[in-house]
Structures are given as C-alpha cells and as structure tokens.
Amino acid sequence: MKTTIDQVSKHVGEEVTIGVWLANKRSSGKIAFLQLRDGTGFFQGVVVKAEVSEETFQIAKNLTQETSLYVTGVVAEDARSPFGYELQVKNIEVIHEAVDYPITPKEHGTEFLMDHRHLWLRSKRQHAIMKIRNEIIRSTYNYFNDNGYVKIDPPILTGSAAEGTTELFHTQYFEEEAYLSQSGQLYMEAAAMAFGKVFSFGPTFRAEKSKTRRHLIEFWMIEPEMAFMDHEDSLVVQEQYVSHIVQSVLKNCKLELNTLGRDVEKLEKIQAPFPRITYDQAIELLKKNGFDDVEWGEDFGAPHETAIAQSFDKPVFITHYPAEIKAFYMKPDPDRPEVVLCADLIAPEGYGEMIGGSQRIDDLELMEQRYKDHNLTGDAYQWYLELRKYGSVPHSGFGLGLERTVAWISGVEHVRETIPFPRLLNRLYP
C-alpha cells in the first residue's frame, strides 16, 4: 500500500511503501537509521541487518544524502520521536542517486544557503517555516470566507500608486508608463463598493533600498476592505483575524513550532482584544524609555516599534498618527483634523509593524483637496475619485504583510526565510 509520511498514523502495524528522499543517515554496525522526508513530513526508517536481505542492508549503508527512493516497511509507534512513528524497513528501491549534494549537515553561511535556496527549502527548518506560512494562508481564507468576504484580485500592473511612486518599480506598458503594484488597496475600495466586504491576497513590490531583517522587495499582502465600517469596526476585525491565524497555527502546526523551538506560551496569549495606544501616548512611552530625541510628527522606526512592543505581551495598536506622515486617503479625525483615523499593529518580540490600516476619506470635496495637496492630477486617479462621487459610504481597510507575520509566529529572525524565493536588495537568484 502506498502512502505518505503524514498519513502513517493510520497504518500502524501495516506494511506500506513511501516515496522519499534521504535527508540524513547514521549506522551502528548492524542497524542503519535513515532520516526520510517526502514533502509531507520527516521521520525515521530503521534498517536492521538481521531482518533484511544482505543486498538491502548494503543499499541502506551506501545511500547518499538526497537520493530518492521507495522504502517499504512496517509502521511502528515510536515514543522517542517527536513525530511519534518510525518505519521498520524491509526493502529499498533506489530511484535516483544524488551525488555530492552541496548542503551537508555541517554549518553553512547565509549567502551560500541563499545561493542554494532551491535546495535549502528541503531542510527540516525551512520545511517547518513554509508549513506555518501555508497554515496562515489557509486560515486566512477560512476566516474571510466564513465571515462573508468576497475575494477580489486587484491588478499587479497599475497606472497609479496607492502611496506615491518614489518606491515603485517602473515598467513600460506599450505606449504608457506603468508600475508594479505596491498595494491593491485602491482597487479593493472599488470592489468594496460593489461587494460590501472583500479581501485580496497577492504579491506587492517596493523599490525600497533597505537591508533590514524586516524588508523584502517582493512580498505578499492580505488586504481586506469593508464598506459601512468605521475605524473602530476595522480594529475589531484586525484583532479577531490575527487571533484566528495564531490559534490555527498553534492547533495545526505543533510539530513545526517544536522543530523551530518556538516558545508557544507567548503565542497562546494572542487572543483578542489587543491593547491600543494613541500616537501621542506612544511618544510619551518612548520618552520614558530613553528616546529623548523623538518628536511629535516623526514616523517611528524599528527601534521605536520594538521599544513600544516590549511594554505589551500581545500585538499593540498605535492609533491616530499625524496626517502629514500618512497616506493621502486616510480620513482625518473629526475632533482633531491634524491626526487621522488609522492604526499600525505592532507585533511583539521586536517583529515590527504587521498591519497598517485606516478609515478612508469618503467625502468628495475633502478627497479633491487631498488630490491638490498631493499633486494627484490627470486621468490615472480619476476613477478613484469617482468612488466618492457615486454612492460614497464610510469604509475602512487594512493590509497585513504575510512574511513579517510568518516571521513573528514562527520565531524566525529574518524575513528572507519566510518566503520560498526571497527578492532582496542584492538578490534576484535563484
């Protein structure tokens, strides 16, 4: 019977065949221990010389790392293994022998591993990170589908930009100039006016020359947009959504979190509601913690966000930023127009901003004034202005950066490990 590693718990005591690769091996004379993987998981195959043919035992002893094979054996419970099962191997059929596999069990430098990213993905650690990423994506679809959202796919090639064009990739679109999308938000606002509650999930691009552990050139965003919802309504959705994906990972990725050595007690605390502080309160908090030079009207950098997050054991919302440092489409606070109805959600443990969101301007005259203030002239933005002209309603939305979220939940230091093939300032290969 053919099966996969993630299904062996259903076949204890039965003989099965699994297509695998050899991740590693060790032997002690009369027993060979094979560390096997098949894409669904990792577990051990045990080859006992006295219980197999001489040919099978010699094959086991001579197997090289990443050789592909079919192994046949009996599934047995193994309390010593984190996986809980092992295979008592009876037969081995080599499919393809790998020779001189470059990523060995020894230590390798980051650049070497990044040059071999297509192979590094096979490692146990990278496998665990990608499985957690997949669970976050799966639970994202579940959350929004279960709560009445429609998935809408915004374009990647655009003639306008959500937050200015200084950090966008330019490309020629036949006779016109176009940009790779930095956000699907403007289009999602149009979709929300048609479907009420919508979300997108897709790649975004920032031509930002940054080398920090939090930045990628190409990354993925989840962007919900909601008609008839104000700023406070949006915050509730954000905290419920983040709580949902964290709890889904805790439930469905126990083995992967264990592989990564993640402190799950910290994740178990992630339940809505989340604490909220205003930008003004954040300034006060920073000054109390030694950031004497921070001034009202400045945006926060990574050290500021980390310092703020250290005061909380859950993600924290920072709300009501100065209008001058935020995007043109954010709605001013009616009681205090110099700040906008927005929030950044800062992850615990130094992982920085995970979500940026706001209530959008719904007043036509105010948006026309913002167009003038930001020099948004011409036809490229006319369609966006028309959303305020034909049946405008209060509406809000946000964007969650997938890779930063994966990094935080999995406990990975650098976002380059949270996407299959990272695009960095100095890397376009492989």
Protein backbone atom coordinates (compact mmCIF):
# COMPACT_ATOMS: atom_id res chain seq x y z
CA MET A 1 0.00 0.00 0.00
CA LYS A 2 1.39 3.40 -0.98
CA THR A 3 1.02 6.24 1.50
CA THR A 4 2.75 9.40 2.72
CA ILE A 5 4.57 10.26 5.94
CA ASP A 6 1.75 12.46 7.23
CA GLN A 7 -0.66 9.52 6.89
CA VAL A 8 1.38 6.76 8.58
CA SER A 9 -0.53 7.13 11.87
CA LYS A 10 -3.44 5.43 10.09
CA HIS A 11 -1.33 2.40 9.20
CA VAL A 12 0.35 1.29 12.44
CA GLY A 13 1.31 -2.37 12.16
CA GLU A 14 0.75 -2.39 8.40
CA GLU A 15 3.28 -2.71 5.60
CA VAL A 16 3.43 0.42 3.43
CA THR A 17 5.51 1.89 0.62
CA ILE A 18 6.51 5.56 0.65
CA GLY A 19 8.36 7.61 -1.95
CA VAL A 20 11.01 9.59 -0.07
CA TRP A 21 14.33 11.39 -0.17
CA LEU A 22 17.15 10.62 2.23
CA ALA A 23 17.72 13.69 4.43
CA ASN A 24 20.48 12.09 6.51
CA LYS A 25 21.60 8.73 7.87
CA ARG A 26 23.72 7.08 10.54
CA SER A 27 24.60 3.47 11.22
CA SER A 28 25.92 1.41 14.11
CA GLY A 29 27.22 -1.74 12.51
CA LYS A 30 24.10 -3.86 12.35
CA ILE A 31 21.49 -1.10 12.20
CA ALA A 32 21.10 1.80 9.76
CA PHE A 33 18.96 4.79 10.75
CA LEU A 34 17.57 6.65 7.75
CA GLN A 35 16.15 10.15 8.16
CA LEU A 36 13.48 10.28 5.46
CA ARG A 37 11.31 13.05 4.02
CA ASP A 38 8.60 13.08 1.39
CA GLY A 39 7.35 16.68 1.39
CA THR A 40 4.59 16.00 3.90
CA GLY A 41 6.97 15.41 6.79
CA PHE A 42 10.11 13.83 8.20
CA PHE A 43 10.51 10.54 10.03
CA GLN A 44 12.97 7.73 10.61
CA GLY A 45 13.36 4.44 8.82
CA VAL A 46 15.22 1.70 10.70
CA VAL A 47 17.05 -0.99 8.73
CA VAL A 48 18.12 -3.99 10.88
CA LYS A 49 20.69 -6.19 9.17
CA ALA A 50 19.25 -9.41 10.60
CA GLU A 51 15.77 -8.60 9.26
CA VAL A 52 16.55 -7.70 5.64
CA SER A 53 18.48 -9.18 2.75
CA GLU A 54 22.22 -8.52 2.56
CA GLU A 55 21.59 -6.51 -0.63
CA THR A 56 19.02 -4.26 1.08
CA PHE A 57 21.31 -3.62 4.03
CA GLN A 58 24.23 -2.69 1.76
CA ILE A 59 21.98 -0.32 -0.18
CA ALA A 60 20.96 1.32 3.10
CA LYS A 61 24.57 1.73 4.24
CA ASN A 62 25.64 3.25 0.91
CA LEU A 63 22.76 5.69 0.42
CA THR A 64 23.83 9.28 -0.18
CA GLN A 65 22.09 12.44 1.01
CA GLU A 66 19.04 13.45 -1.08
CA THR A 67 18.93 10.19 -3.02
CA SER A 68 15.33 9.47 -3.97
CA LEU A 69 13.89 6.03 -3.21
CA TYR A 70 10.90 3.91 -2.40
CA VAL A 71 11.01 2.37 1.06
CA THR A 72 8.75 -0.48 2.08
CA GLY A 73 8.29 -1.46 5.69
CA VAL A 74 6.01 -1.76 8.70
CA VAL A 75 4.81 1.36 10.52
CA ALA A 76 5.54 1.29 14.26
CA GLU A 77 4.84 3.75 17.06
CA ASP A 78 7.97 5.41 18.47
CA ALA A 79 7.55 7.38 21.70
CA ARG A 80 11.13 8.72 21.48
CA SER A 81 10.44 10.51 18.20
CA PRO A 82 8.79 13.97 18.08
CA PHE A 83 6.84 12.61 15.12
CA GLY A 84 5.67 9.57 17.09
CA TYR A 85 6.24 6.90 14.42
CA GLU A 86 9.00 5.18 12.51
CA LEU A 87 9.27 2.69 9.67
CA GLN A 88 10.79 -0.76 10.16
CA VAL A 89 12.27 -1.02 6.68
CA LYS A 90 12.03 -4.29 4.76
CA ASN A 91 13.02 -3.18 1.26
CA ILE A 92 14.62 -0.23 -0.54
CA GLU A 93 14.34 0.69 -4.22
CA VAL A 94 16.65 3.50 -5.33
CA ILE A 95 15.04 5.86 -7.85
CA HIS A 96 17.89 8.31 -8.40
CA GLU A 97 21.23 8.50 -6.62
CA ALA A 98 22.26 12.02 -5.60
CA VAL A 99 26.00 12.69 -5.70
CA ASP A 100 27.82 15.48 -3.81
CA TYR A 101 24.71 17.22 -2.51
CA PRO A 102 26.01 20.70 -1.62
CA ILE A 103 24.08 21.38 1.61
CA THR A 104 25.50 18.95 4.14
CA PRO A 105 24.67 18.67 7.88
CA LYS A 106 27.60 20.97 8.68
CA GLU A 107 27.19 24.73 9.15
CA HIS A 108 26.91 26.89 6.02
CA GLY A 109 26.98 30.66 5.61
CA THR A 110 23.83 32.60 4.83
CA GLU A 111 24.94 33.66 1.34
CA PHE A 112 25.81 30.06 0.45
CA LEU A 113 22.39 28.90 1.62
CA MET A 114 20.67 31.71 -0.25
CA ASP A 115 22.57 30.81 -3.44
CA HIS A 116 21.18 27.29 -2.97
CA ARG A 117 17.70 28.35 -1.87
CA HIS A 118 16.16 25.89 -4.34
CA LEU A 119 17.78 23.11 -2.30
CA TRP A 120 17.73 24.76 1.14
CA LEU A 121 13.93 24.56 1.04
CA ARG A 122 14.30 20.81 1.59
CA SER A 123 15.75 21.22 5.09
CA LYS A 124 13.71 20.46 8.17
CA ARG A 125 13.78 24.06 9.41
CA GLN A 126 12.74 25.59 6.10
CA HIS A 127 10.08 22.94 5.68
CA ALA A 128 8.62 23.90 9.07
CA ILE A 129 8.58 27.62 8.21
CA MET A 130 6.84 27.01 4.87
CA LYS A 131 4.24 24.76 6.51
CA ILE A 132 3.46 27.54 9.00
CA ARG A 133 3.23 30.02 6.11
CA ASN A 134 0.81 27.67 4.38
CA GLU A 135 -1.30 27.35 7.52
CA ILE A 136 -1.52 31.14 7.85
CA ILE A 137 -2.71 31.35 4.23
CA ARG A 138 -5.21 28.51 4.71
CA SER A 139 -6.64 30.02 7.90
CA THR A 140 -6.78 33.47 6.25
CA TYR A 141 -9.08 32.14 3.54
CA ASN A 142 -11.16 30.36 6.17
CA TYR A 143 -11.55 33.48 8.29
CA PHE A 144 -12.64 35.79 5.49
CA ASN A 145 -14.78 33.22 3.70
CA ASP A 146 -16.55 32.34 6.95
CA ASN A 147 -17.22 36.00 7.68
CA GLY A 148 -18.85 36.93 4.39
CA TYR A 149 -15.94 38.43 2.46
CA VAL A 150 -15.53 38.03 -1.30
CA LYS A 151 -12.02 37.50 -2.66
CA ILE A 152 -11.18 40.02 -5.37
CA ASP A 153 -7.90 40.06 -7.30
CA PRO A 154 -6.51 43.55 -7.94
CA PRO A 155 -4.10 44.12 -10.85
CA ILE A 156 -0.34 43.86 -10.40
CA LEU A 157 0.37 46.30 -13.23
CA THR A 158 -1.11 49.71 -12.43
CA GLY A 159 -1.11 53.20 -13.84
CA SER A 160 -1.22 54.80 -10.38
CA ALA A 161 0.15 54.20 -6.90
CA ALA A 162 -1.54 53.96 -3.53
CA GLU A 163 1.15 55.86 -1.65
CA GLY A 164 3.20 57.77 -4.25
CA THR A 165 5.61 56.50 -6.89
CA THR A 166 9.03 57.09 -5.33
CA GLU A 167 9.44 53.48 -4.21
CA LEU A 168 7.78 51.71 -7.13
CA PHE A 169 9.20 49.69 -9.98
CA HIS A 170 8.52 51.41 -13.30
CA THR A 171 7.83 49.45 -16.45
CA GLN A 172 6.75 50.25 -19.99
CA TYR A 173 3.17 49.22 -20.74
CA PHE A 174 3.10 49.51 -24.52
CA GLU A 175 2.88 53.30 -25.04
CA GLU A 176 2.21 54.11 -21.37
CA GLU A 177 4.23 54.08 -18.17
CA ALA A 178 3.11 51.58 -15.53
CA TYR A 179 4.16 50.40 -12.09
CA LEU A 180 4.33 47.10 -10.26
CA SER A 181 1.73 47.28 -7.52
CA GLN A 182 2.78 48.33 -4.02
CA SER A 183 -0.75 47.67 -2.76
CA GLY A 184 -4.10 46.54 -4.12
CA GLN A 185 -5.92 48.86 -1.73
CA LEU A 186 -7.31 51.45 -4.15
CA TYR A 187 -8.83 48.71 -6.29
CA MET A 188 -10.15 46.92 -3.21
CA GLU A 189 -12.01 50.09 -2.25
CA ALA A 190 -13.77 49.97 -5.61
CA ALA A 191 -14.57 46.30 -5.01
CA ALA A 192 -15.96 47.05 -1.54
CA MET A 193 -18.40 49.49 -3.11
CA ALA A 194 -19.65 46.59 -5.24
CA PHE A 195 -19.50 43.65 -2.81
CA GLY A 196 -19.52 45.19 0.69
CA LYS A 197 -16.70 43.17 2.29
CA VAL A 198 -13.77 41.99 0.17
CA PHE A 199 -10.21 40.79 0.56
CA SER A 200 -7.24 40.21 -1.68
CA PHE A 201 -4.12 38.11 -1.36
CA GLY A 202 -1.29 38.75 -3.74
CA PRO A 203 2.27 39.92 -4.37
CA THR A 204 3.34 43.51 -3.87
CA PHE A 205 6.57 45.28 -4.74
CA ARG A 206 8.55 48.04 -3.03
CA ALA A 207 11.64 49.53 -4.65
CA GLU A 208 12.95 50.44 -1.22
CA LYS A 209 16.72 50.17 -0.80
CA SER A 210 16.58 48.59 2.62
CA LYS A 211 18.69 45.75 4.00
CA THR A 212 16.97 45.24 7.35
CA ARG A 213 15.74 41.87 8.59
CA ARG A 214 12.15 43.09 8.18
CA HIS A 215 12.24 44.09 4.49
CA LEU A 216 11.74 42.29 1.20
CA ILE A 217 11.50 43.78 -2.29
CA GLU A 218 8.69 41.39 -3.25
CA PHE A 219 6.27 40.24 -0.58
CA TRP A 220 2.66 39.12 -0.17
CA MET A 221 -0.19 41.10 1.36
CA ILE A 222 -3.64 40.26 2.64
CA GLU A 223 -5.80 43.36 2.11
CA PRO A 224 -9.43 43.44 3.30
CA GLU A 225 -11.64 46.43 2.55
CA MET A 226 -15.03 46.94 4.17
CA ALA A 227 -17.96 49.22 3.29
CA PHE A 228 -20.06 50.71 6.10
CA MET A 229 -17.28 50.13 8.62
CA ASP A 230 -15.51 52.83 10.58
CA HIS A 231 -12.07 52.87 12.17
CA GLU A 232 -13.17 51.15 15.38
CA ASP A 233 -15.01 48.42 13.47
CA SER A 234 -11.85 47.74 11.47
CA LEU A 235 -9.70 47.37 14.59
CA VAL A 236 -12.04 44.67 15.86
CA VAL A 237 -11.75 42.76 12.58
CA GLN A 238 -7.95 43.05 12.66
CA GLU A 239 -7.55 41.68 16.17
CA GLN A 240 -10.03 38.86 15.57
CA TYR A 241 -8.30 37.90 12.32
CA VAL A 242 -4.80 37.89 13.83
CA SER A 243 -6.02 35.89 16.83
CA HIS A 244 -7.61 33.41 14.44
CA ILE A 245 -4.47 32.73 12.41
CA VAL A 246 -2.27 32.42 15.51
CA GLN A 247 -4.63 29.92 17.11
CA SER A 248 -4.85 27.97 13.83
CA VAL A 249 -1.06 27.65 13.72
CA LEU A 250 -0.97 26.54 17.36
CA LYS A 251 -3.58 23.89 16.62
CA ASN A 252 -2.32 22.58 13.29
CA CYS A 253 1.46 23.17 13.32
CA LYS A 254 2.57 21.78 16.69
CA LEU A 255 5.35 19.69 15.16
CA GLU A 256 6.64 22.59 13.06
CA LEU A 257 6.67 25.01 16.00
CA ASN A 258 8.55 22.39 18.01
CA THR A 259 11.06 21.93 15.19
CA LEU A 260 11.73 25.67 15.26
CA GLY A 261 11.98 25.76 19.06
CA ARG A 262 9.19 28.36 19.22
CA ASP A 263 8.00 29.43 22.67
CA VAL A 264 4.33 28.61 22.23
CA GLU A 265 3.36 30.09 25.60
CA LYS A 266 3.88 33.54 24.08
CA LEU A 267 1.60 32.65 21.17
CA GLU A 268 -1.07 31.21 23.44
CA LYS A 269 -1.57 34.71 24.88
CA ILE A 270 -2.57 36.07 21.47
CA GLN A 271 -6.30 36.43 21.92
CA ALA A 272 -8.45 39.47 21.08
CA PRO A 273 -8.83 42.19 22.25
CA PHE A 274 -5.42 43.82 21.77
CA PRO A 275 -4.14 46.87 23.67
CA ARG A 276 -4.41 50.26 21.97
CA ILE A 277 -2.40 53.42 22.46
CA THR A 278 -2.51 56.66 20.52
CA TYR A 279 0.47 58.12 18.71
CA ASP A 280 0.63 60.77 21.46
CA GLN A 281 0.80 58.08 24.14
CA ALA A 282 3.44 56.24 22.13
CA ILE A 283 5.59 59.39 22.10
CA GLU A 284 5.25 59.63 25.90
CA LEU A 285 6.12 55.95 26.30
CA LEU A 286 9.22 56.32 24.15
CA LYS A 287 10.43 59.37 26.07
CA LYS A 288 10.04 57.44 29.33
CA ASN A 289 12.18 54.66 27.82
CA GLY A 290 15.11 56.85 26.87
CA PHE A 291 14.12 58.07 23.39
CA ASP A 292 14.50 61.73 24.35
CA ASP A 293 15.02 62.92 20.78
CA VAL A 294 11.75 61.60 19.36
CA GLU A 295 9.48 64.48 18.35
CA TRP A 296 5.79 64.72 17.56
CA GLY A 297 5.28 64.50 13.80
CA GLU A 298 8.05 61.96 13.17
CA ASP A 299 7.33 58.44 11.98
CA PHE A 300 8.54 55.56 14.12
CA GLY A 301 11.48 53.40 13.10
CA ALA A 302 12.30 49.82 14.04
CA PRO A 303 13.92 50.71 17.41
CA HIS A 304 10.87 52.76 18.39
CA GLU A 305 8.41 49.99 17.45
CA THR A 306 10.46 47.40 19.33
CA ALA A 307 10.57 49.57 22.46
CA ILE A 308 6.81 50.13 22.34
CA ALA A 309 6.11 46.43 21.82
CA GLN A 310 8.19 45.48 24.85
CA SER A 311 5.56 47.05 27.10
CA PHE A 312 2.95 44.51 25.94
CA ASP A 313 2.69 40.73 25.61
CA LYS A 314 0.19 40.99 22.75
CA PRO A 315 0.29 42.92 19.47
CA VAL A 316 -0.44 46.58 20.16
CA PHE A 317 -2.33 49.11 18.03
CA ILE A 318 -0.80 52.57 17.67
CA THR A 319 -3.61 54.84 16.51
CA HIS A 320 -4.13 58.44 15.34
CA TYR A 321 -0.87 59.25 13.61
CA PRO A 322 -0.22 62.79 12.32
CA ALA A 323 -1.87 63.31 8.93
CA GLU A 324 1.36 64.65 7.43
CA ILE A 325 3.20 61.32 7.73
CA LYS A 326 0.37 59.13 6.48
CA ALA A 327 -1.17 58.45 3.07
CA PHE A 328 -3.46 60.93 1.32
CA TYR A 329 -6.56 58.72 1.51
CA MET A 330 -6.75 58.41 5.32
CA LYS A 331 -9.72 60.10 6.98
CA PRO A 332 -8.90 62.91 9.45
CA ASP A 333 -10.25 62.60 12.98
CA PRO A 334 -13.33 64.91 13.00
CA ASP A 335 -12.42 66.05 16.52
CA ARG A 336 -8.77 66.62 15.72
CA PRO A 337 -8.04 67.03 11.98
CA GLU A 338 -4.24 67.05 12.37
CA VAL A 339 -4.37 63.30 13.06
CA VAL A 340 -6.01 60.55 11.01
CA LEU A 341 -8.21 57.58 11.87
CA CYS A 342 -5.55 54.96 11.35
CA ALA A 343 -3.60 52.30 13.20
CA ASP A 344 -0.43 50.28 12.86
CA LEU A 345 -0.46 46.90 14.58
CA ILE A 346 2.97 46.23 16.10
CA ALA A 347 3.92 42.60 16.68
CA PRO A 348 5.51 41.52 19.97
CA GLU A 349 9.13 40.41 20.34
CA GLY A 350 10.63 43.02 18.02
CA TYR A 351 8.97 41.97 14.74
CA GLY A 352 7.68 45.45 13.95
CA GLU A 353 4.64 46.62 12.04
CA MET A 354 2.46 43.74 10.94
CA ILE A 355 -0.65 45.63 9.80
CA GLY A 356 -1.31 49.14 8.56
CA GLY A 357 -4.90 50.27 8.24
CA SER A 358 -7.26 53.23 8.33
CA GLN A 359 -10.69 54.58 7.73
CA ARG A 360 -10.69 56.03 4.21
CA ILE A 361 -11.83 59.51 3.22
CA ASP A 362 -15.41 59.24 1.93
CA ASP A 363 -16.08 62.95 1.36
CA LEU A 364 -15.69 64.07 -2.27
CA GLU A 365 -14.65 67.65 -1.51
CA LEU A 366 -12.03 66.60 1.01
CA MET A 367 -10.62 64.00 -1.37
CA GLU A 368 -10.46 66.60 -4.15
CA GLN A 369 -8.49 68.83 -1.78
CA ARG A 370 -6.14 65.94 -0.97
CA TYR A 371 -5.60 65.43 -4.69
CA LYS A 372 -4.47 69.06 -4.96
CA ASP A 373 -2.28 68.81 -1.86
CA HIS A 374 -0.52 65.70 -3.20
CA ASN A 375 -0.41 66.76 -6.86
CA LEU A 376 -2.53 63.77 -7.91
CA THR A 377 -3.66 65.17 -11.23
CA GLY A 378 -4.56 63.65 -14.56
CA ASP A 379 -6.64 60.63 -15.51
CA ALA A 380 -4.75 57.99 -13.51
CA TYR A 381 -6.67 58.71 -10.30
CA GLN A 382 -9.97 59.87 -11.75
CA TRP A 383 -11.65 56.50 -11.20
CA TYR A 384 -10.65 56.53 -7.52
CA LEU A 385 -12.19 59.98 -7.07
CA GLU A 386 -15.43 58.73 -8.63
CA LEU A 387 -15.85 56.24 -5.76
CA ARG A 388 -16.63 59.31 -3.62
CA LYS A 389 -18.95 60.75 -6.28
CA TYR A 390 -21.32 57.83 -6.77
CA GLY A 391 -22.79 56.49 -3.53
CA SER A 392 -19.92 57.12 -1.13
CA VAL A 393 -20.11 55.44 2.28
CA PRO A 394 -17.87 55.22 5.35
CA HIS A 395 -15.35 52.46 4.70
CA SER A 396 -12.15 51.09 6.16
CA GLY A 397 -9.45 48.59 5.36
CA PHE A 398 -6.02 47.29 6.19
CA GLY A 399 -3.09 45.34 4.84
CA LEU A 400 -1.24 42.54 6.61
CA GLY A 401 2.26 41.65 5.46
CA LEU A 402 2.42 37.88 5.24
CA GLU A 403 6.17 37.44 5.62
CA ARG A 404 6.51 39.57 8.76
CA THR A 405 3.57 37.65 10.23
CA VAL A 406 5.20 34.32 9.38
CA ALA A 407 8.46 35.53 10.95
CA TRP A 408 6.74 36.55 14.17
CA ILE A 409 4.57 33.45 14.59
CA SER A 410 7.39 31.03 13.71
CA GLY A 411 10.03 32.96 15.67
CA VAL A 412 12.33 33.38 12.67
CA GLU A 413 14.71 36.32 12.88
CA HIS A 414 14.87 37.35 9.20
CA VAL A 415 12.02 37.57 6.68
CA ARG A 416 14.23 36.08 3.95
CA GLU A 417 13.40 32.63 5.40
CA THR A 418 9.65 33.21 5.34
CA ILE A 419 9.15 33.31 1.56
CA PRO A 420 10.15 30.46 -0.79
CA PHE A 421 12.39 32.55 -3.07
CA PRO A 422 13.19 35.93 -1.46
CA ARG A 423 13.87 39.01 -3.51
CA LEU A 424 16.30 41.26 -1.65
CA LEU A 425 18.21 44.42 -2.49
CA ASN A 426 21.18 42.37 -3.65
CA ARG A 427 19.46 39.15 -4.69
CA LEU A 428 17.46 38.07 -7.73
CA TYR A 429 18.83 34.48 -7.83
CA PRO A 430 17.64 31.76 -7.83
